[in-house]
Amino acid sequence: MPRIEIDLNPVLHITTDAIGQPGQRVFYIQGRTAERVVTVIVEKVQIQTLALGVEDFLVELNQRYPDLSPVSSAYDETTMHILPPVDPLFRVGELGLAYDADSDLAVLVVREIQTAGNEGNAEESSVVRFW
């Protein structure tokens, strides 16, 4: 599969969800802009780690940049499910969080899992950045 590189900037909505019965679920991250929906497959433990990481990340941002606007934690559970199309681009191997002070945007970077064809060469893996 050819390498994919997508910047969803800005993401209007981002969520995680699972489809299937317990023990056979597939977990997803999905982000939407006004024009595009991007879905990737993740492991349950990656979602759990991301949830903890986001909390720590926001605390660190607040300490480093105390003048930032507070993050809204309000959400409507009915809008947190993924929406069709559920056509994942790839399976995620790495997740990362960063903050760009110049644009005042946080980013979730997801990189495709390394396969036999692209082992050891992250530049050949597909990547999506949810800004």
C-alpha atoms as a PDB file:
ATOM      1  CA  MET A   1       0.000   0.000   0.000  1.00  0.00           C
ATOM      2  CA  PRO A   2       1.403   3.440  -0.845  1.00  0.00           C
ATOM      3  CA  ARG A   3       2.355   5.741   2.020  1.00  0.00           C
ATOM      4  CA  ILE A   4      -0.431   8.063   3.193  1.00  0.00           C
ATOM      5  CA  GLU A   5       0.203  11.402   4.915  1.00  0.00           C
ATOM      6  CA  ILE A   6      -2.819  13.385   6.066  1.00  0.00           C
ATOM      7  CA  ASP A   7      -3.120  16.549   8.134  1.00  0.00           C
ATOM      8  CA  LEU A   8      -6.652  17.107   9.398  1.00  0.00           C
ATOM      9  CA  ASN A   9      -6.399  20.747  10.324  1.00  0.00           C
ATOM     10  CA  PRO A  10      -8.523  21.666  12.105  1.00  0.00           C
ATOM     11  CA  VAL A  11     -10.322  18.591  13.373  1.00  0.00           C
ATOM     12  CA  LEU A  12     -13.907  19.515  14.157  1.00  0.00           C
ATOM     13  CA  HIS A  13     -14.563  16.253  15.999  1.00  0.00           C
ATOM     14  CA  ILE A  14     -12.348  13.417  17.193  1.00  0.00           C
ATOM     15  CA  THR A  15     -13.418  10.312  19.059  1.00  0.00           C
ATOM     16  CA  THR A  16     -12.596   6.714  19.866  1.00  0.00           C
ATOM     17  CA  ASP A  17     -15.030   3.834  19.742  1.00  0.00           C
ATOM     18  CA  ALA A  18     -15.265   0.077  19.439  1.00  0.00           C
ATOM     19  CA  ILE A  19     -17.416  -2.084  17.208  1.00  0.00           C
ATOM     20  CA  GLY A  20     -18.222  -5.711  17.943  1.00  0.00           C
ATOM     21  CA  GLN A  21     -18.887  -8.027  20.829  1.00  0.00           C
ATOM     22  CA  PRO A  22     -16.637  -8.071  23.909  1.00  0.00           C
ATOM     23  CA  GLY A  23     -13.569 -10.153  23.146  1.00  0.00           C
ATOM     24  CA  GLN A  24     -13.982  -9.545  19.415  1.00  0.00           C
ATOM     25  CA  ARG A  25     -14.129  -5.765  19.328  1.00  0.00           C
ATOM     26  CA  VAL A  26     -12.202  -3.594  16.939  1.00  0.00           C
ATOM     27  CA  PHE A  27     -11.167  -0.202  18.320  1.00  0.00           C
ATOM     28  CA  TYR A  28     -10.979   2.964  16.250  1.00  0.00           C
ATOM     29  CA  ILE A  29      -9.947   6.607  16.324  1.00  0.00           C
ATOM     30  CA  GLN A  30     -11.953   8.804  13.985  1.00  0.00           C
ATOM     31  CA  GLY A  31     -11.490  12.478  13.171  1.00  0.00           C
ATOM     32  CA  ARG A  32     -13.625  14.746  11.013  1.00  0.00           C
ATOM     33  CA  THR A  33     -13.147  18.034   9.275  1.00  0.00           C
ATOM     34  CA  ALA A  34     -15.835  19.796   7.274  1.00  0.00           C
ATOM     35  CA  GLU A  35     -14.751  17.881   4.151  1.00  0.00           C
ATOM     36  CA  ARG A  36     -13.247  14.607   5.335  1.00  0.00           C
ATOM     37  CA  VAL A  37     -13.595  11.673   7.733  1.00  0.00           C
ATOM     38  CA  VAL A  38     -10.490   9.670   8.659  1.00  0.00           C
ATOM     39  CA  THR A  39     -10.642   6.425  10.629  1.00  0.00           C
ATOM     40  CA  VAL A  40      -7.764   4.255  11.860  1.00  0.00           C
ATOM     41  CA  ILE A  41      -7.675   0.987  13.823  1.00  0.00           C
ATOM     42  CA  VAL A  42      -6.031   0.955  17.248  1.00  0.00           C
ATOM     43  CA  GLU A  43      -5.599  -1.545  20.062  1.00  0.00           C
ATOM     44  CA  LYS A  44      -7.601  -1.261  23.262  1.00  0.00           C
ATOM     45  CA  VAL A  45      -4.445  -0.649  25.305  1.00  0.00           C
ATOM     46  CA  GLN A  46      -3.480   2.203  22.956  1.00  0.00           C
ATOM     47  CA  ILE A  47      -6.813   3.914  23.689  1.00  0.00           C
ATOM     48  CA  GLN A  48      -6.337   3.412  27.415  1.00  0.00           C
ATOM     49  CA  THR A  49      -2.807   4.808  27.252  1.00  0.00           C
ATOM     50  CA  LEU A  50      -3.953   7.732  25.103  1.00  0.00           C
ATOM     51  CA  ALA A  51      -6.673   8.641  27.620  1.00  0.00           C
ATOM     52  CA  LEU A  52      -4.112   8.795  30.434  1.00  0.00           C
ATOM     53  CA  GLY A  53      -1.605  10.568  28.216  1.00  0.00           C
ATOM     54  CA  VAL A  54      -4.085  13.290  27.219  1.00  0.00           C
ATOM     55  CA  GLU A  55      -4.773  14.071  30.872  1.00  0.00           C
ATOM     56  CA  ASP A  56      -1.045  14.371  31.648  1.00  0.00           C
ATOM     57  CA  PHE A  57      -0.450  16.321  28.426  1.00  0.00           C
ATOM     58  CA  LEU A  58      -3.111  18.911  29.293  1.00  0.00           C
ATOM     59  CA  VAL A  59      -1.726  19.341  32.819  1.00  0.00           C
ATOM     60  CA  GLU A  60       1.771  19.871  31.391  1.00  0.00           C
ATOM     61  CA  LEU A  61       0.489  22.358  28.806  1.00  0.00           C
ATOM     62  CA  ASN A  62      -1.272  24.317  31.531  1.00  0.00           C
ATOM     63  CA  GLN A  63       1.950  24.452  33.557  1.00  0.00           C
ATOM     64  CA  ARG A  64       4.118  25.506  30.596  1.00  0.00           C
ATOM     65  CA  TYR A  65       1.563  27.926  29.107  1.00  0.00           C
ATOM     66  CA  PRO A  66      -0.578  29.237  31.989  1.00  0.00           C
ATOM     67  CA  ASP A  67      -2.288  31.846  29.768  1.00  0.00           C
ATOM     68  CA  LEU A  68      -3.934  29.230  27.513  1.00  0.00           C
ATOM     69  CA  SER A  69      -7.705  29.055  27.503  1.00  0.00           C
ATOM     70  CA  PRO A  70      -9.069  26.200  29.605  1.00  0.00           C
ATOM     71  CA  VAL A  71      -9.920  23.001  27.753  1.00  0.00           C
ATOM     72  CA  SER A  72     -13.600  22.198  27.592  1.00  0.00           C
ATOM     73  CA  SER A  73     -14.421  18.804  29.043  1.00  0.00           C
ATOM     74  CA  ALA A  74     -18.101  18.912  28.123  1.00  0.00           C
ATOM     75  CA  TYR A  75     -19.284  16.298  25.677  1.00  0.00           C
ATOM     76  CA  ASP A  76     -22.466  14.644  24.580  1.00  0.00           C
ATOM     77  CA  GLU A  77     -22.155  10.859  24.762  1.00  0.00           C
ATOM     78  CA  THR A  78     -24.441  10.420  21.748  1.00  0.00           C
ATOM     79  CA  THR A  79     -21.950  12.259  19.530  1.00  0.00           C
ATOM     80  CA  MET A  80     -18.929  10.281  20.744  1.00  0.00           C
ATOM     81  CA  HIS A  81     -19.576   7.211  18.584  1.00  0.00           C
ATOM     82  CA  ILE A  82     -17.803   6.822  15.271  1.00  0.00           C
ATOM     83  CA  LEU A  83     -19.880   7.482  12.195  1.00  0.00           C
ATOM     84  CA  PRO A  84     -19.906   5.896   8.767  1.00  0.00           C
ATOM     85  CA  PRO A  85     -17.853   5.484   6.761  1.00  0.00           C
ATOM     86  CA  VAL A  86     -15.883   3.090   8.963  1.00  0.00           C
ATOM     87  CA  ASP A  87     -13.229   2.400   6.362  1.00  0.00           C
ATOM     88  CA  PRO A  88      -9.937   2.458   8.296  1.00  0.00           C
ATOM     89  CA  LEU A  89      -6.850   3.689   6.483  1.00  0.00           C
ATOM     90  CA  PHE A  90      -4.425   1.551   8.493  1.00  0.00           C
ATOM     91  CA  ARG A  91      -3.642  -0.082  11.842  1.00  0.00           C
ATOM     92  CA  VAL A  92      -1.826   2.249  14.254  1.00  0.00           C
ATOM     93  CA  GLY A  93       1.566   1.298  15.634  1.00  0.00           C
ATOM     94  CA  GLU A  94       2.517   4.582  17.334  1.00  0.00           C
ATOM     95  CA  LEU A  95       0.592   7.453  18.903  1.00  0.00           C
ATOM     96  CA  GLY A  96       2.032  10.816  19.897  1.00  0.00           C
ATOM     97  CA  LEU A  97       0.830  14.132  21.296  1.00  0.00           C
ATOM     98  CA  ALA A  98       2.415  17.528  20.682  1.00  0.00           C
ATOM     99  CA  TYR A  99       1.645  21.221  20.939  1.00  0.00           C
ATOM    100  CA  ASP A 100       2.538  23.915  18.403  1.00  0.00           C
ATOM    101  CA  ALA A 101       2.700  27.225  20.280  1.00  0.00           C
ATOM    102  CA  ASP A 102       2.889  29.253  17.059  1.00  0.00           C
ATOM    103  CA  SER A 103      -0.487  27.995  15.832  1.00  0.00           C
ATOM    104  CA  ASP A 104      -1.848  27.342  19.355  1.00  0.00           C
ATOM    105  CA  LEU A 105      -2.903  23.839  18.318  1.00  0.00           C
ATOM    106  CA  ALA A 106      -2.428  20.436  19.869  1.00  0.00           C
ATOM    107  CA  VAL A 107      -1.907  17.466  17.562  1.00  0.00           C
ATOM    108  CA  LEU A 108      -2.465  13.738  17.878  1.00  0.00           C
ATOM    109  CA  VAL A 109      -0.095  11.942  15.522  1.00  0.00           C
ATOM    110  CA  VAL A 110      -0.891   8.351  14.553  1.00  0.00           C
ATOM    111  CA  ARG A 111       1.637   6.324  12.599  1.00  0.00           C
ATOM    112  CA  GLU A 112       0.981   3.060  10.797  1.00  0.00           C
ATOM    113  CA  ILE A 113       2.263  -0.117  12.403  1.00  0.00           C
ATOM    114  CA  GLN A 114       5.581  -1.327  11.027  1.00  0.00           C
ATOM    115  CA  THR A 115       5.174  -4.276   8.674  1.00  0.00           C
ATOM    116  CA  ALA A 116       7.643  -6.583   6.966  1.00  0.00           C
ATOM    117  CA  GLY A 117       7.742  -4.166   4.022  1.00  0.00           C
ATOM    118  CA  ASN A 118       8.576  -1.060   6.056  1.00  0.00           C
ATOM    119  CA  GLU A 119      10.338  -2.413   9.189  1.00  0.00           C
ATOM    120  CA  GLY A 120      12.765   0.027  10.732  1.00  0.00           C
ATOM    121  CA  ASN A 121      11.869   2.857   8.360  1.00  0.00           C
ATOM    122  CA  ALA A 122       9.259   5.146   9.911  1.00  0.00           C
ATOM    123  CA  GLU A 123       9.402   7.430   6.857  1.00  0.00           C
ATOM    124  CA  GLU A 124       7.715   4.683   4.824  1.00  0.00           C
ATOM    125  CA  SER A 125       4.829   4.319   7.292  1.00  0.00           C
ATOM    126  CA  SER A 126       1.602   6.196   6.735  1.00  0.00           C
ATOM    127  CA  VAL A 127       0.768   8.976   9.177  1.00  0.00           C
ATOM    128  CA  VAL A 128      -2.279  11.040  10.130  1.00  0.00           C
ATOM    129  CA  ARG A 129      -2.109  14.208  12.209  1.00  0.00           C
ATOM    130  CA  PHE A 130      -5.315  15.280  13.928  1.00  0.00           C
ATOM    131  CA  TRP A 131      -4.859  19.024  14.734  1.00  0.00           C
END
